[in-house]
Amino acid sequence: MPEIAEVETIKNDLISSAVFGQKIVDVKVYASTLINEEKTNFIKQIKNRYLVDVLRKGKNLIFDLDSVYLLIHLKMTGHIFLKNQKDKLEKHEHIVINFENGKKLVYYDPRRFGKLLLQKDLSILDKLGPDILSKDFVFDHFYETLKIKRKKIKTLLLDQHFIAGLGNIYVDEVLFLSKLHPGKIADTVSKKDAKNLFSSIKEITLRAIKNRGTSLGKSKSNFASIFEDFGNHQNHLLVHTKKRCPKCFLKIEKLKINQRTSHFCKNCQKL
């Protein structure tokens, strides 16, 4: 599932792409289950609008279409690709947005878990916690909230109501960098360790964005940018999917927490 770094990469690429600021001249919907409006109404609300901005909160990609917003959550296998309109429609390309300059954005999703939601405002995102890259992500609030949570720290960091943007890959990386066991209970984390955790969240996120996200394989179900190239951060992962700890060289352990597999070093991340 694309996490903050992957969605930020898509956002940044779209802002610098040929479709930014362009007029939408046509929309094709081939899978109505992915949208929150009746198909005809969905198309009517988007057609003839301009892509005036591209935003992001957490894992949500947001198209500002001038007084209406298109929220896109890619879920497990969703992608946004930039193509020429003359390019042939491929399998799993379920929604196509055509622009005046001959370019198109296609929504590609083999498993169809993603959602494209038209909204008049962004209040639907108010339930999310602070985005890691926003000014609202501050240590004092982070620590205050941490100290009243009895959840395991791995589970809490995955909770988008706590902070928005992290997924399984980057939580593993963050916990390793901050030397915290994924099963540690959140309200038992000391202030010193919480500061390390807070800075590690930012550090891992910025590293992954610099490396244009993580692609754990070469199939089309793995993350790819709008240009259909893979990320590079998989070459810089510390523990997620790794066999040996990069510090002590002991075997990386696996632990199921709330149905999610955690990768950690039992020597460097003691419970």
Protein backbone atom coordinates (compact mmCIF):
# COMPACT_ATOMS: atom_id res chain seq x y z
CA MET A 1 0.00 0.00 0.00
CA PRO A 2 1.41 3.43 -0.88
CA GLU A 3 2.37 5.34 2.25
CA ILE A 4 3.25 8.99 2.78
CA ALA A 5 6.48 8.91 0.75
CA GLU A 6 4.86 7.29 -2.28
CA VAL A 7 1.84 9.62 -2.29
CA GLU A 8 4.11 12.65 -1.79
CA THR A 9 6.17 11.50 -4.79
CA ILE A 10 3.01 11.26 -6.91
CA LYS A 11 1.89 14.70 -5.72
CA ASN A 12 5.22 16.36 -6.49
CA ASP A 13 5.44 14.72 -9.92
CA LEU A 14 1.90 15.85 -10.82
CA ILE A 15 2.63 19.44 -9.81
CA SER A 16 5.58 19.53 -12.20
CA SER A 17 3.82 17.55 -14.93
CA ALA A 18 2.19 18.56 -18.21
CA VAL A 19 -1.35 18.24 -16.81
CA PHE A 20 -0.95 20.68 -13.91
CA GLY A 21 -3.17 23.69 -14.51
CA GLN A 22 -4.75 22.05 -17.56
CA LYS A 23 -8.44 21.83 -18.44
CA ILE A 24 -10.22 18.47 -18.19
CA VAL A 25 -12.10 17.81 -21.43
CA ASP A 26 -13.41 14.29 -20.85
CA VAL A 27 -13.68 11.61 -18.19
CA LYS A 28 -14.18 7.86 -18.64
CA VAL A 29 -15.33 5.61 -15.79
CA TYR A 30 -15.09 1.85 -16.37
CA ALA A 31 -15.55 0.75 -12.73
CA SER A 32 -18.30 2.65 -10.92
CA THR A 33 -17.58 0.89 -7.61
CA LEU A 34 -14.46 3.04 -7.23
CA ILE A 35 -16.36 6.35 -7.09
CA ASN A 36 -18.81 7.86 -4.58
CA GLU A 37 -21.20 9.43 -7.09
CA GLU A 38 -23.44 8.13 -9.82
CA LYS A 39 -21.24 7.77 -12.90
CA THR A 40 -22.92 10.50 -14.99
CA ASN A 41 -22.86 12.98 -12.13
CA PHE A 42 -19.23 12.16 -11.31
CA ILE A 43 -18.20 12.92 -14.89
CA LYS A 44 -20.33 16.08 -15.04
CA GLN A 45 -18.73 17.52 -11.89
CA ILE A 46 -15.18 16.99 -13.17
CA LYS A 47 -15.48 17.76 -16.87
CA ASN A 48 -14.45 21.29 -17.98
CA ARG A 49 -12.69 22.00 -14.67
CA TYR A 50 -9.00 22.74 -14.26
CA LEU A 51 -6.44 20.87 -12.18
CA VAL A 52 -5.48 23.96 -10.19
CA ASP A 53 -3.54 22.20 -7.44
CA VAL A 54 -2.50 18.81 -6.10
CA LEU A 55 -2.45 18.32 -2.32
CA ARG A 56 -1.92 15.48 0.11
CA LYS A 57 -2.91 14.59 3.65
CA GLY A 58 -1.58 11.34 5.03
CA LYS A 59 -2.05 8.71 2.34
CA ASN A 60 -4.76 10.72 0.57
CA LEU A 61 -4.01 12.40 -2.75
CA ILE A 62 -6.17 15.46 -3.40
CA PHE A 63 -6.97 17.10 -6.74
CA ASP A 64 -8.15 20.68 -6.35
CA LEU A 65 -10.46 21.15 -9.33
CA ASP A 66 -11.53 24.72 -8.48
CA SER A 67 -14.41 24.55 -5.96
CA VAL A 68 -14.60 20.78 -5.95
CA TYR A 69 -12.04 18.27 -4.68
CA LEU A 70 -11.26 14.77 -5.90
CA LEU A 71 -9.84 12.68 -3.06
CA ILE A 72 -7.94 9.58 -4.13
CA HIS A 73 -6.95 6.80 -1.73
CA LEU A 74 -4.84 4.25 -3.58
CA LYS A 75 -5.30 1.49 -0.97
CA MET A 76 -3.36 -1.71 -1.83
CA THR A 77 -2.67 -1.60 -5.57
CA GLY A 78 -3.91 1.76 -6.86
CA HIS A 79 -1.72 3.85 -9.19
CA ILE A 80 -1.95 7.14 -11.07
CA PHE A 81 -0.21 7.12 -14.45
CA LEU A 82 0.40 10.00 -16.86
CA LYS A 83 -0.05 9.02 -20.50
CA ASN A 84 -0.87 10.32 -23.95
CA GLN A 85 -4.51 10.11 -24.99
CA LYS A 86 -3.53 8.12 -28.06
CA ASP A 87 -2.12 5.35 -25.82
CA LYS A 88 -4.26 2.22 -25.82
CA LEU A 89 -6.37 1.54 -22.73
CA GLU A 90 -4.77 -1.27 -20.73
CA LYS A 91 -6.25 -3.86 -18.40
CA HIS A 92 -7.04 -2.53 -14.90
CA GLU A 93 -7.17 1.11 -16.08
CA HIS A 94 -10.56 1.90 -14.56
CA ILE A 95 -10.81 5.70 -14.73
CA VAL A 96 -9.36 8.03 -17.35
CA ILE A 97 -9.16 11.83 -17.10
CA ASN A 98 -8.39 13.48 -20.45
CA PHE A 99 -6.84 16.95 -20.62
CA GLU A 100 -6.99 19.67 -23.26
CA ASN A 101 -3.30 19.27 -24.17
CA GLY A 102 -3.65 15.64 -25.26
CA LYS A 103 -2.43 14.09 -22.02
CA LYS A 104 -4.42 11.85 -19.69
CA LEU A 105 -4.27 10.56 -16.13
CA VAL A 106 -5.35 6.98 -15.65
CA TYR A 107 -6.32 5.29 -12.42
CA TYR A 108 -4.90 1.75 -12.49
CA ASP A 109 -5.91 -0.72 -9.79
CA PRO A 110 -5.81 -4.54 -10.22
CA ARG A 111 -7.60 -5.26 -6.93
CA ARG A 112 -10.01 -2.30 -7.07
CA PHE A 113 -9.70 -1.46 -3.38
CA GLY A 114 -9.02 2.24 -4.02
CA LYS A 115 -11.55 5.05 -3.77
CA LEU A 116 -12.07 8.30 -5.71
CA LEU A 117 -14.33 10.63 -3.77
CA LEU A 118 -15.73 13.94 -4.98
CA GLN A 119 -16.08 16.44 -2.13
CA LYS A 120 -17.15 20.08 -1.84
CA ASP A 121 -14.58 20.61 0.94
CA LEU A 122 -11.91 18.67 2.80
CA SER A 123 -13.75 18.24 6.10
CA ILE A 124 -13.84 14.47 5.55
CA LEU A 125 -10.10 14.51 6.35
CA ASP A 126 -10.56 16.27 9.71
CA LYS A 127 -10.78 12.90 11.47
CA LEU A 128 -7.16 12.17 10.52
CA GLY A 129 -4.32 12.96 12.86
CA PRO A 130 -1.67 15.56 11.95
CA ASP A 131 0.21 14.93 8.74
CA ILE A 132 3.88 14.19 9.38
CA LEU A 133 5.07 16.94 7.02
CA SER A 134 2.65 19.59 8.31
CA LYS A 135 3.19 22.32 10.91
CA ASP A 136 0.57 20.54 13.04
CA PHE A 137 2.93 17.64 13.69
CA VAL A 138 4.59 18.92 16.88
CA PHE A 139 6.26 17.03 19.69
CA ASP A 140 4.20 18.31 22.62
CA HIS A 141 0.90 17.12 21.18
CA PHE A 142 2.53 13.90 19.95
CA TYR A 143 3.86 13.10 23.43
CA GLU A 144 0.65 14.06 25.26
CA THR A 145 -1.36 11.72 23.04
CA LEU A 146 1.22 8.96 23.29
CA LYS A 147 1.02 8.99 27.10
CA ILE A 148 -2.72 8.25 27.19
CA LYS A 149 -2.63 5.32 24.78
CA ARG A 150 -2.46 1.72 25.99
CA LYS A 151 -1.96 0.34 22.49
CA LYS A 152 1.21 -1.34 21.32
CA ILE A 153 3.40 1.29 19.70
CA LYS A 154 3.34 -0.47 16.30
CA THR A 155 -0.47 -0.44 16.29
CA LEU A 156 -0.64 3.20 17.39
CA LEU A 157 1.74 4.44 14.69
CA LEU A 158 -0.38 2.68 12.06
CA ASP A 159 -3.51 4.43 13.37
CA GLN A 160 -4.22 7.29 10.94
CA HIS A 161 -6.23 9.08 13.64
CA PHE A 162 -3.02 9.41 15.68
CA ILE A 163 -0.72 10.59 12.90
CA ALA A 164 -1.44 10.49 9.19
CA GLY A 165 0.84 8.89 6.64
CA LEU A 166 2.72 5.92 8.04
CA GLY A 167 2.12 2.33 6.95
CA ASN A 168 3.70 -1.01 7.76
CA ILE A 169 7.00 -0.45 5.95
CA TYR A 170 7.90 2.89 7.48
CA VAL A 171 6.66 2.03 10.98
CA ASP A 172 9.13 -0.88 11.02
CA GLU A 173 11.89 1.48 9.90
CA VAL A 174 10.94 4.20 12.40
CA LEU A 175 10.84 1.79 15.36
CA PHE A 176 14.23 0.35 14.47
CA LEU A 177 15.82 3.79 14.16
CA SER A 178 14.34 4.83 17.52
CA LYS A 179 15.33 1.48 19.16
CA LEU A 180 11.77 0.66 20.24
CA HIS A 181 10.27 -2.82 20.23
CA PRO A 182 7.04 -2.92 18.15
CA GLY A 183 5.20 -4.56 21.05
CA LYS A 184 6.04 -1.86 23.60
CA ILE A 185 2.96 -0.21 25.09
CA ALA A 186 2.72 3.43 24.02
CA ASP A 187 2.12 5.01 27.43
CA THR A 188 5.27 3.36 28.81
CA VAL A 189 7.55 5.16 26.33
CA SER A 190 9.79 7.66 28.16
CA LYS A 191 9.97 11.28 27.10
CA LYS A 192 13.52 10.78 25.87
CA ASP A 193 12.49 7.80 23.75
CA ALA A 194 9.44 9.69 22.52
CA LYS A 195 11.69 12.49 21.27
CA ASN A 196 13.81 9.94 19.41
CA LEU A 197 10.65 8.39 17.99
CA PHE A 198 9.30 11.77 16.87
CA SER A 199 12.55 12.71 15.10
CA SER A 200 12.83 9.21 13.57
CA ILE A 201 9.36 9.55 12.04
CA LYS A 202 10.43 12.71 10.26
CA GLU A 203 13.85 11.36 9.30
CA ILE A 204 12.57 8.11 7.79
CA THR A 205 9.80 9.94 5.93
CA LEU A 206 12.18 12.48 4.40
CA ARG A 207 14.68 9.76 3.43
CA ALA A 208 11.97 7.79 1.67
CA ILE A 209 10.68 10.85 -0.20
CA LYS A 210 14.21 11.67 -1.32
CA ASN A 211 14.46 8.13 -2.69
CA ARG A 212 11.07 8.47 -4.44
CA GLY A 213 9.30 5.85 -2.35
CA THR A 214 9.58 2.11 -1.85
CA SER A 215 8.80 -0.57 -4.45
CA LEU A 216 9.09 -4.06 -2.99
CA GLY A 217 8.95 -5.78 -6.36
CA LYS A 218 8.90 -5.23 -10.10
CA SER A 219 5.32 -6.23 -10.84
CA LYS A 220 2.65 -3.63 -11.61
CA SER A 221 1.04 -4.22 -8.22
CA ASN A 222 4.07 -2.55 -6.60
CA PHE A 223 4.46 1.19 -6.26
CA ALA A 224 5.37 3.11 -9.39
CA SER A 225 5.37 6.85 -10.10
CA ILE A 226 3.13 8.60 -12.62
CA PHE A 227 5.90 7.92 -15.15
CA GLU A 228 5.70 4.17 -14.35
CA ASP A 229 9.16 4.01 -12.82
CA PHE A 230 9.81 2.30 -9.48
CA GLY A 231 10.95 3.88 -6.24
CA ASN A 232 14.46 3.46 -4.88
CA HIS A 233 14.03 3.38 -1.12
CA GLN A 234 13.79 -0.43 -1.03
CA ASN A 235 17.56 -0.29 -1.52
CA HIS A 236 17.90 1.71 1.70
CA LEU A 237 15.55 -0.12 4.06
CA LEU A 238 17.00 -0.96 7.48
CA VAL A 239 14.88 -3.89 8.69
CA HIS A 240 11.67 -4.24 6.68
CA THR A 241 12.00 -7.43 4.55
CA LYS A 242 15.69 -7.68 5.55
CA LYS A 243 17.42 -10.81 6.87
CA ARG A 244 20.09 -9.29 9.13
CA CYS A 245 20.25 -6.28 11.43
CA PRO A 246 22.44 -3.55 9.88
CA LYS A 247 23.91 -2.76 13.34
CA CYS A 248 24.51 -6.04 15.18
CA PHE A 249 24.03 -8.46 12.25
CA LEU A 250 21.67 -10.72 14.18
CA LYS A 251 18.74 -12.27 12.36
CA ILE A 252 15.75 -9.96 11.83
CA GLU A 253 12.74 -11.30 13.70
CA LYS A 254 9.13 -11.27 12.56
CA LEU A 255 6.15 -10.71 14.84
CA LYS A 256 2.44 -10.48 14.07
CA ILE A 257 0.75 -7.53 15.76
CA ASN A 258 -2.91 -6.98 14.90
CA GLN A 259 -2.54 -9.04 11.73
CA ARG A 260 0.42 -6.95 10.54
CA THR A 261 3.93 -8.42 10.28
CA SER A 262 6.61 -6.46 12.12
CA HIS A 263 10.29 -6.76 11.26
CA PHE A 264 12.64 -5.95 14.13
CA CYS A 265 15.93 -6.79 15.85
CA LYS A 266 15.43 -8.33 19.29
CA ASN A 267 18.92 -7.19 20.32
CA CYS A 268 18.63 -3.54 19.24
CA GLN A 269 14.91 -3.20 20.04
CA LYS A 270 14.46 -4.73 23.46
CA LEU A 271 11.00 -4.97 25.00
